[in-house]
Amino acid sequence: MSLACKLLGPDDIATLELLALRDPEYDLEGRGEPLEPLSPQAARRFLADPAVLFWVAREDGHVAGFLYCLVVPLRSSDEQELLLYEIGVRSEWRRRGVGRLLLDHMEGWMRTNGVGEVWVCADNVAAVNFYRACAFTAPAEQPVYMTRRVR
């Protein structure tokens, strides 16, 4: 396997669009549907945002997987945390080390940038098992994930 990881930048709009259109290929089977790609201006703004970290793993020009994180400043510390917002690996690439490779690049970025902790909300058993295998731990008392839509 000769995968190469890259942190996307403002000129990688086409890759971001491709991932939106092919989103179900990177999700669990039967879950998800193609996403509406961002406009070119919004995609450039998204990829230029210093809080956005978006890696892709490629082989021979094909995107095998991606990892999207957000840098979170803390209100009670000079440190920052990383929110692992989303990871996706194409079904034919699963169990071949793509997810771990992406996490290795994320951890390298964290070490270089002095970010000591990453957290994630895992919403399915496969994700929980993957993160546990990658040394993530869960507190004894789990928080409740809640949302609210503002109209």
N, C-alpha and C. Protein backbone atom coordinates (compact mmCIF):
# COMPACT_ATOMS: atom_id res chain seq x y z
N MET A 1 0.87 -1.17 0.00
CA MET A 1 0.00 0.00 0.00
C MET A 1 0.91 1.23 0.00
N SER A 2 0.71 2.11 -0.95
CA SER A 2 1.52 3.33 -1.05
C SER A 2 0.63 4.56 -0.92
N LEU A 3 0.02 4.68 0.24
CA LEU A 3 -0.86 5.82 0.49
C LEU A 3 -0.04 7.06 0.84
N ALA A 4 -0.52 8.18 0.39
CA ALA A 4 0.07 9.47 0.74
C ALA A 4 -1.00 10.32 1.39
N CYS A 5 -0.67 10.94 2.52
CA CYS A 5 -1.61 11.83 3.20
C CYS A 5 -1.26 13.27 2.90
N LYS A 6 -2.30 14.08 2.78
CA LYS A 6 -2.12 15.50 2.50
C LYS A 6 -3.13 16.29 3.32
N LEU A 7 -2.67 17.38 3.92
CA LEU A 7 -3.55 18.34 4.57
C LEU A 7 -4.04 19.28 3.48
N LEU A 8 -5.34 19.33 3.26
CA LEU A 8 -5.89 20.15 2.19
C LEU A 8 -5.74 21.63 2.50
N GLY A 9 -5.63 22.42 1.44
CA GLY A 9 -5.54 23.86 1.55
C GLY A 9 -6.55 24.52 0.62
N PRO A 10 -6.55 25.84 0.54
CA PRO A 10 -7.56 26.59 -0.23
C PRO A 10 -7.65 26.23 -1.71
N ASP A 11 -6.60 25.65 -2.26
CA ASP A 11 -6.63 25.29 -3.68
C ASP A 11 -7.15 23.88 -3.94
N ASP A 12 -7.61 23.19 -2.90
CA ASP A 12 -8.09 21.80 -3.03
C ASP A 12 -9.61 21.70 -3.09
N ILE A 13 -10.23 22.68 -3.72
CA ILE A 13 -11.69 22.74 -3.82
C ILE A 13 -12.26 21.52 -4.53
N ALA A 14 -11.61 21.07 -5.58
CA ALA A 14 -12.12 19.92 -6.35
C ALA A 14 -12.18 18.67 -5.50
N THR A 15 -11.20 18.46 -4.64
CA THR A 15 -11.21 17.28 -3.76
C THR A 15 -12.37 17.37 -2.78
N LEU A 16 -12.60 18.54 -2.22
CA LEU A 16 -13.71 18.72 -1.28
C LEU A 16 -15.05 18.47 -1.98
N GLU A 17 -15.19 18.94 -3.21
CA GLU A 17 -16.42 18.71 -3.98
C GLU A 17 -16.61 17.22 -4.26
N LEU A 18 -15.56 16.54 -4.67
CA LEU A 18 -15.63 15.11 -4.94
C LEU A 18 -16.07 14.34 -3.70
N LEU A 19 -15.52 14.68 -2.54
CA LEU A 19 -15.89 14.00 -1.30
C LEU A 19 -17.36 14.24 -0.94
N ALA A 20 -17.87 15.43 -1.21
CA ALA A 20 -19.29 15.70 -0.94
C ALA A 20 -20.17 14.83 -1.83
N LEU A 21 -19.86 14.79 -3.11
CA LEU A 21 -20.69 14.03 -4.05
C LEU A 21 -20.62 12.53 -3.80
N ARG A 22 -19.49 12.06 -3.30
CA ARG A 22 -19.30 10.62 -3.06
C ARG A 22 -19.37 10.27 -1.59
N ASP A 23 -20.00 11.10 -0.79
CA ASP A 23 -20.03 10.90 0.66
C ASP A 23 -20.47 9.50 1.08
N PRO A 24 -21.50 8.90 0.47
CA PRO A 24 -21.91 7.57 0.93
C PRO A 24 -20.81 6.50 0.82
N GLU A 25 -19.87 6.69 -0.09
CA GLU A 25 -18.79 5.72 -0.26
C GLU A 25 -17.84 5.70 0.93
N TYR A 26 -17.88 6.75 1.76
CA TYR A 26 -16.99 6.87 2.90
C TYR A 26 -17.73 6.64 4.23
N ASP A 27 -18.97 6.29 4.17
CA ASP A 27 -19.80 6.10 5.37
C ASP A 27 -20.13 4.62 5.49
N LEU A 28 -20.84 4.26 6.55
CA LEU A 28 -21.31 2.90 6.71
C LEU A 28 -22.31 2.58 5.61
N GLU A 29 -22.34 1.33 5.19
CA GLU A 29 -23.24 0.95 4.12
C GLU A 29 -24.69 1.25 4.50
N GLY A 30 -25.41 1.83 3.54
CA GLY A 30 -26.82 2.15 3.76
C GLY A 30 -27.06 3.44 4.52
N ARG A 31 -26.01 4.11 4.89
CA ARG A 31 -26.15 5.35 5.65
C ARG A 31 -25.56 6.49 4.83
N GLY A 32 -26.21 7.57 4.78
CA GLY A 32 -25.69 8.73 4.07
C GLY A 32 -26.16 8.79 2.64
N GLU A 33 -26.01 9.96 2.09
CA GLU A 33 -26.35 10.23 0.70
C GLU A 33 -25.42 11.32 0.21
N PRO A 34 -25.34 11.50 -1.10
CA PRO A 34 -24.46 12.57 -1.58
C PRO A 34 -24.81 13.91 -0.93
N LEU A 35 -23.78 14.69 -0.66
CA LEU A 35 -23.96 16.00 -0.05
C LEU A 35 -23.89 17.08 -1.12
N GLU A 36 -24.52 18.19 -0.85
CA GLU A 36 -24.43 19.35 -1.73
C GLU A 36 -23.04 19.97 -1.55
N PRO A 37 -22.22 20.01 -2.59
CA PRO A 37 -20.90 20.62 -2.43
C PRO A 37 -21.02 22.11 -2.10
N LEU A 38 -20.02 22.60 -1.40
CA LEU A 38 -19.94 24.03 -1.12
C LEU A 38 -19.70 24.78 -2.42
N SER A 39 -20.13 26.02 -2.47
CA SER A 39 -19.77 26.87 -3.61
C SER A 39 -18.25 27.01 -3.60
N PRO A 40 -17.65 27.34 -4.74
CA PRO A 40 -16.19 27.52 -4.75
C PRO A 40 -15.70 28.54 -3.72
N GLN A 41 -16.44 29.64 -3.55
CA GLN A 41 -16.03 30.65 -2.57
C GLN A 41 -16.11 30.11 -1.15
N ALA A 42 -17.19 29.40 -0.84
CA ALA A 42 -17.35 28.83 0.50
C ALA A 42 -16.33 27.73 0.75
N ALA A 43 -16.04 26.93 -0.27
CA ALA A 43 -15.04 25.86 -0.13
C ALA A 43 -13.66 26.45 0.13
N ARG A 44 -13.30 27.50 -0.60
CA ARG A 44 -12.00 28.14 -0.40
C ARG A 44 -11.92 28.74 1.01
N ARG A 45 -13.00 29.38 1.45
CA ARG A 45 -13.05 29.96 2.80
C ARG A 45 -12.92 28.86 3.87
N PHE A 46 -13.64 27.76 3.68
CA PHE A 46 -13.60 26.62 4.59
C PHE A 46 -12.17 26.08 4.70
N LEU A 47 -11.54 25.83 3.56
CA LEU A 47 -10.21 25.24 3.55
C LEU A 47 -9.12 26.22 3.99
N ALA A 48 -9.39 27.51 3.93
CA ALA A 48 -8.43 28.52 4.38
C ALA A 48 -8.56 28.82 5.87
N ASP A 49 -9.63 28.37 6.49
CA ASP A 49 -9.86 28.63 7.91
C ASP A 49 -8.80 27.92 8.74
N PRO A 50 -8.03 28.64 9.57
CA PRO A 50 -6.96 27.99 10.34
C PRO A 50 -7.49 27.00 11.38
N ALA A 51 -8.76 27.05 11.72
CA ALA A 51 -9.33 26.09 12.66
C ALA A 51 -9.70 24.77 11.98
N VAL A 52 -9.75 24.75 10.65
CA VAL A 52 -10.14 23.56 9.89
C VAL A 52 -8.89 22.78 9.48
N LEU A 53 -8.88 21.51 9.84
CA LEU A 53 -7.82 20.59 9.41
C LEU A 53 -8.50 19.46 8.66
N PHE A 54 -8.16 19.29 7.40
CA PHE A 54 -8.84 18.30 6.56
C PHE A 54 -7.78 17.53 5.77
N TRP A 55 -7.53 16.30 6.20
CA TRP A 55 -6.54 15.45 5.53
C TRP A 55 -7.24 14.48 4.60
N VAL A 56 -6.55 14.11 3.52
CA VAL A 56 -6.99 13.01 2.67
C VAL A 56 -5.84 12.03 2.52
N ALA A 57 -6.19 10.75 2.39
CA ALA A 57 -5.23 9.69 2.09
C ALA A 57 -5.52 9.25 0.67
N ARG A 58 -4.49 9.30 -0.18
CA ARG A 58 -4.67 8.96 -1.60
C ARG A 58 -3.70 7.86 -2.01
N GLU A 59 -4.16 7.10 -2.99
CA GLU A 59 -3.27 6.18 -3.69
C GLU A 59 -3.61 6.27 -5.16
N ASP A 60 -2.61 6.51 -5.98
CA ASP A 60 -2.80 6.63 -7.43
C ASP A 60 -3.91 7.63 -7.78
N GLY A 61 -3.98 8.74 -7.05
CA GLY A 61 -4.96 9.78 -7.34
C GLY A 61 -6.35 9.53 -6.77
N HIS A 62 -6.61 8.35 -6.22
CA HIS A 62 -7.92 8.03 -5.66
C HIS A 62 -7.91 8.31 -4.16
N VAL A 63 -8.96 8.96 -3.67
CA VAL A 63 -9.05 9.25 -2.24
C VAL A 63 -9.58 8.01 -1.52
N ALA A 64 -8.72 7.41 -0.70
CA ALA A 64 -9.09 6.22 0.07
C ALA A 64 -9.81 6.59 1.36
N GLY A 65 -9.49 7.78 1.91
CA GLY A 65 -10.11 8.20 3.15
C GLY A 65 -9.83 9.65 3.44
N PHE A 66 -10.56 10.18 4.42
CA PHE A 66 -10.37 11.58 4.84
C PHE A 66 -10.57 11.70 6.33
N LEU A 67 -10.06 12.77 6.89
CA LEU A 67 -10.19 13.09 8.30
C LEU A 67 -10.38 14.59 8.43
N TYR A 68 -11.46 14.98 9.11
CA TYR A 68 -11.81 16.39 9.28
C TYR A 68 -11.80 16.70 10.77
N CYS A 69 -10.98 17.67 11.17
CA CYS A 69 -10.87 18.09 12.56
C CYS A 69 -11.03 19.61 12.67
N LEU A 70 -11.36 20.04 13.87
CA LEU A 70 -11.46 21.47 14.18
C LEU A 70 -10.61 21.78 15.41
N VAL A 71 -9.84 22.84 15.33
CA VAL A 71 -9.06 23.30 16.47
C VAL A 71 -10.00 24.10 17.37
N VAL A 72 -10.03 23.73 18.65
CA VAL A 72 -10.96 24.36 19.60
C VAL A 72 -10.16 25.11 20.66
N PRO A 73 -10.27 26.44 20.69
CA PRO A 73 -9.60 27.18 21.76
C PRO A 73 -10.38 26.97 23.07
N LEU A 74 -9.65 26.97 24.17
CA LEU A 74 -10.29 26.77 25.47
C LEU A 74 -10.41 28.10 26.21
N ARG A 75 -11.46 28.24 26.98
CA ARG A 75 -11.69 29.50 27.68
C ARG A 75 -10.94 29.58 29.00
N SER A 76 -10.42 28.42 29.47
CA SER A 76 -9.76 28.43 30.78
C SER A 76 -8.32 27.93 30.71
N SER A 77 -7.72 28.00 29.53
CA SER A 77 -6.35 27.53 29.37
C SER A 77 -5.76 28.16 28.12
N ASP A 78 -4.45 28.25 28.09
CA ASP A 78 -3.78 28.72 26.88
C ASP A 78 -3.71 27.61 25.83
N GLU A 79 -4.04 26.40 26.24
CA GLU A 79 -4.00 25.25 25.33
C GLU A 79 -5.22 25.24 24.41
N GLN A 80 -5.13 24.36 23.44
CA GLN A 80 -6.25 24.11 22.54
C GLN A 80 -6.52 22.61 22.51
N GLU A 81 -7.72 22.24 22.11
CA GLU A 81 -8.08 20.85 21.89
C GLU A 81 -8.38 20.66 20.42
N LEU A 82 -8.48 19.42 20.04
CA LEU A 82 -8.87 19.10 18.67
C LEU A 82 -10.15 18.29 18.73
N LEU A 83 -11.13 18.71 17.96
CA LEU A 83 -12.36 17.94 17.79
C LEU A 83 -12.22 17.13 16.51
N LEU A 84 -12.21 15.81 16.64
CA LEU A 84 -12.20 14.95 15.47
C LEU A 84 -13.66 14.89 15.02
N TYR A 85 -13.98 15.68 14.03
CA TYR A 85 -15.37 15.86 13.61
C TYR A 85 -15.86 14.71 12.74
N GLU A 86 -14.99 14.23 11.84
CA GLU A 86 -15.45 13.20 10.92
C GLU A 86 -14.26 12.47 10.30
N ILE A 87 -14.42 11.17 10.18
CA ILE A 87 -13.45 10.36 9.46
C ILE A 87 -14.23 9.45 8.53
N GLY A 88 -13.72 9.25 7.34
CA GLY A 88 -14.39 8.37 6.39
C GLY A 88 -13.36 7.60 5.58
N VAL A 89 -13.61 6.32 5.41
CA VAL A 89 -12.74 5.46 4.61
C VAL A 89 -13.62 4.68 3.64
N ARG A 90 -13.25 4.69 2.38
CA ARG A 90 -14.01 3.95 1.37
C ARG A 90 -14.05 2.48 1.76
N SER A 91 -15.18 1.85 1.52
CA SER A 91 -15.39 0.47 1.98
C SER A 91 -14.28 -0.47 1.53
N GLU A 92 -13.81 -0.35 0.30
CA GLU A 92 -12.78 -1.26 -0.18
C GLU A 92 -11.41 -1.03 0.46
N TRP A 93 -11.27 0.07 1.18
CA TRP A 93 -10.01 0.39 1.86
C TRP A 93 -10.06 0.12 3.36
N ARG A 94 -11.22 -0.26 3.88
CA ARG A 94 -11.33 -0.48 5.32
C ARG A 94 -10.51 -1.69 5.75
N ARG A 95 -10.02 -1.61 6.99
CA ARG A 95 -9.20 -2.67 7.60
C ARG A 95 -7.86 -2.85 6.88
N ARG A 96 -7.40 -1.75 6.27
CA ARG A 96 -6.10 -1.76 5.59
C ARG A 96 -5.18 -0.66 6.13
N GLY A 97 -5.55 -0.06 7.27
CA GLY A 97 -4.69 0.91 7.92
C GLY A 97 -4.88 2.36 7.51
N VAL A 98 -5.90 2.63 6.69
CA VAL A 98 -6.12 4.00 6.22
C VAL A 98 -6.52 4.91 7.38
N GLY A 99 -7.47 4.48 8.18
CA GLY A 99 -7.91 5.28 9.32
C GLY A 99 -6.77 5.57 10.28
N ARG A 100 -5.98 4.55 10.58
CA ARG A 100 -4.84 4.74 11.48
C ARG A 100 -3.80 5.68 10.87
N LEU A 101 -3.57 5.58 9.57
CA LEU A 101 -2.64 6.48 8.91
C LEU A 101 -3.10 7.93 9.04
N LEU A 102 -4.38 8.16 8.83
CA LEU A 102 -4.93 9.51 8.97
C LEU A 102 -4.77 10.00 10.41
N LEU A 103 -5.06 9.14 11.39
CA LEU A 103 -4.89 9.53 12.79
C LEU A 103 -3.42 9.80 13.12
N ASP A 104 -2.51 9.05 12.52
CA ASP A 104 -1.08 9.31 12.74
C ASP A 104 -0.71 10.71 12.25
N HIS A 105 -1.24 11.11 11.10
CA HIS A 105 -0.96 12.47 10.59
C HIS A 105 -1.57 13.53 11.50
N MET A 106 -2.78 13.26 12.00
CA MET A 106 -3.41 14.17 12.94
C MET A 106 -2.56 14.31 14.20
N GLU A 107 -2.09 13.18 14.74
CA GLU A 107 -1.28 13.22 15.96
C GLU A 107 0.04 13.93 15.73
N GLY A 108 0.63 13.74 14.57
CA GLY A 108 1.85 14.48 14.24
C GLY A 108 1.61 15.97 14.23
N TRP A 109 0.48 16.38 13.65
CA TRP A 109 0.12 17.80 13.63
C TRP A 109 -0.06 18.29 15.07
N MET A 110 -0.71 17.48 15.90
CA MET A 110 -0.96 17.86 17.29
C MET A 110 0.37 18.07 18.03
N ARG A 111 1.30 17.14 17.86
CA ARG A 111 2.61 17.28 18.53
C ARG A 111 3.33 18.55 18.06
N THR A 112 3.34 18.77 16.76
CA THR A 112 4.02 19.94 16.19
C THR A 112 3.41 21.24 16.68
N ASN A 113 2.10 21.24 16.90
CA ASN A 113 1.38 22.46 17.25
C ASN A 113 1.00 22.56 18.72
N GLY A 114 1.52 21.67 19.55
CA GLY A 114 1.30 21.75 20.99
C GLY A 114 -0.13 21.52 21.42
N VAL A 115 -0.87 20.72 20.67
CA VAL A 115 -2.25 20.39 21.04
C VAL A 115 -2.21 19.01 21.70
N GLY A 116 -2.65 18.95 22.96
CA GLY A 116 -2.47 17.73 23.73
C GLY A 116 -3.63 16.76 23.78
N GLU A 117 -4.82 17.19 23.37
CA GLU A 117 -5.96 16.28 23.49
C GLU A 117 -6.87 16.40 22.27
N VAL A 118 -7.40 15.25 21.87
CA VAL A 118 -8.39 15.18 20.80
C VAL A 118 -9.60 14.44 21.35
N TRP A 119 -10.77 14.85 20.92
CA TRP A 119 -11.99 14.17 21.34
C TRP A 119 -12.91 13.98 20.15
N VAL A 120 -13.80 13.00 20.28
CA VAL A 120 -14.68 12.61 19.19
C VAL A 120 -16.00 12.11 19.77
N CYS A 121 -17.08 12.33 19.04
CA CYS A 121 -18.38 11.73 19.37
C CYS A 121 -18.57 10.55 18.41
N ALA A 122 -18.52 9.34 18.93
CA ALA A 122 -18.68 8.15 18.10
C ALA A 122 -20.15 7.74 18.13
N ASP A 123 -20.75 7.57 16.95
CA ASP A 123 -22.19 7.33 16.90
C ASP A 123 -22.58 5.93 16.46
N ASN A 124 -21.62 4.99 16.43
CA ASN A 124 -21.96 3.61 16.08
C ASN A 124 -20.90 2.68 16.66
N VAL A 125 -21.24 1.41 16.77
CA VAL A 125 -20.36 0.43 17.40
C VAL A 125 -19.03 0.30 16.65
N ALA A 126 -19.08 0.30 15.32
CA ALA A 126 -17.84 0.19 14.54
C ALA A 126 -16.90 1.34 14.85
N ALA A 127 -17.43 2.55 14.97
CA ALA A 127 -16.60 3.71 15.29
C ALA A 127 -16.02 3.59 16.69
N VAL A 128 -16.84 3.21 17.65
CA VAL A 128 -16.36 3.05 19.03
C VAL A 128 -15.23 2.03 19.07
N ASN A 129 -15.41 0.91 18.39
CA ASN A 129 -14.37 -0.12 18.38
C ASN A 129 -13.09 0.37 17.71
N PHE A 130 -13.22 1.11 16.61
CA PHE A 130 -12.06 1.68 15.93
C PHE A 130 -11.30 2.62 16.86
N TYR A 131 -12.01 3.55 17.49
CA TYR A 131 -11.34 4.53 18.35
C TYR A 131 -10.71 3.85 19.56
N ARG A 132 -11.38 2.86 20.13
CA ARG A 132 -10.77 2.13 21.25
C ARG A 132 -9.49 1.43 20.81
N ALA A 133 -9.50 0.83 19.61
CA ALA A 133 -8.31 0.17 19.09
C ALA A 133 -7.18 1.16 18.84
N CYS A 134 -7.52 2.43 18.69
CA CYS A 134 -6.52 3.50 18.47
C CYS A 134 -6.22 4.26 19.76
N ALA A 135 -6.50 3.63 20.91
CA ALA A 135 -6.15 4.14 22.25
C ALA A 135 -7.01 5.30 22.74
N PHE A 136 -8.17 5.54 22.13
CA PHE A 136 -9.11 6.51 22.69
C PHE A 136 -9.79 5.84 23.88
N THR A 137 -10.11 6.63 24.88
CA THR A 137 -10.83 6.11 26.05
C THR A 137 -12.10 6.92 26.24
N ALA A 138 -13.04 6.31 26.94
CA ALA A 138 -14.31 6.99 27.24
C ALA A 138 -14.44 7.15 28.75
N PRO A 139 -14.96 8.29 29.19
CA PRO A 139 -15.19 8.45 30.63
C PRO A 139 -16.25 7.45 31.10
N ALA A 140 -16.20 7.13 32.39
CA ALA A 140 -17.16 6.16 32.94
C ALA A 140 -18.60 6.64 32.71
N GLU A 141 -18.83 7.92 32.92
CA GLU A 141 -20.16 8.47 32.71
C GLU A 141 -20.16 9.18 31.36
N GLN A 142 -20.93 8.69 30.43
CA GLN A 142 -20.97 9.25 29.09
C GLN A 142 -21.88 10.47 29.03
N PRO A 143 -21.43 11.52 28.34
CA PRO A 143 -22.31 12.67 28.15
C PRO A 143 -23.43 12.31 27.17
N VAL A 144 -24.47 13.07 27.20
CA VAL A 144 -25.58 12.90 26.27
C VAL A 144 -25.37 13.87 25.12
N TYR A 145 -25.36 13.36 23.92
CA TYR A 145 -25.20 14.19 22.74
C TYR A 145 -26.56 14.79 22.39
N MET A 146 -26.65 16.10 22.33
CA MET A 146 -27.91 16.77 22.06
C MET A 146 -27.68 17.86 21.01
N THR A 147 -28.70 18.16 20.25
CA THR A 147 -28.61 19.25 19.27
C THR A 147 -29.86 20.13 19.37
N ARG A 148 -29.76 21.28 18.80
CA ARG A 148 -30.89 22.18 18.70
C ARG A 148 -30.75 22.96 17.41
N ARG A 149 -31.76 22.97 16.62
CA ARG A 149 -31.73 23.70 15.35
C ARG A 149 -32.39 25.06 15.57
N VAL A 150 -31.70 26.12 15.16
CA VAL A 150 -32.23 27.48 15.29
C VAL A 150 -32.72 27.89 13.91
N ARG A 151 -33.93 28.37 13.87
CA ARG A 151 -34.52 28.77 12.57
C ARG A 151 -34.59 30.26 12.45
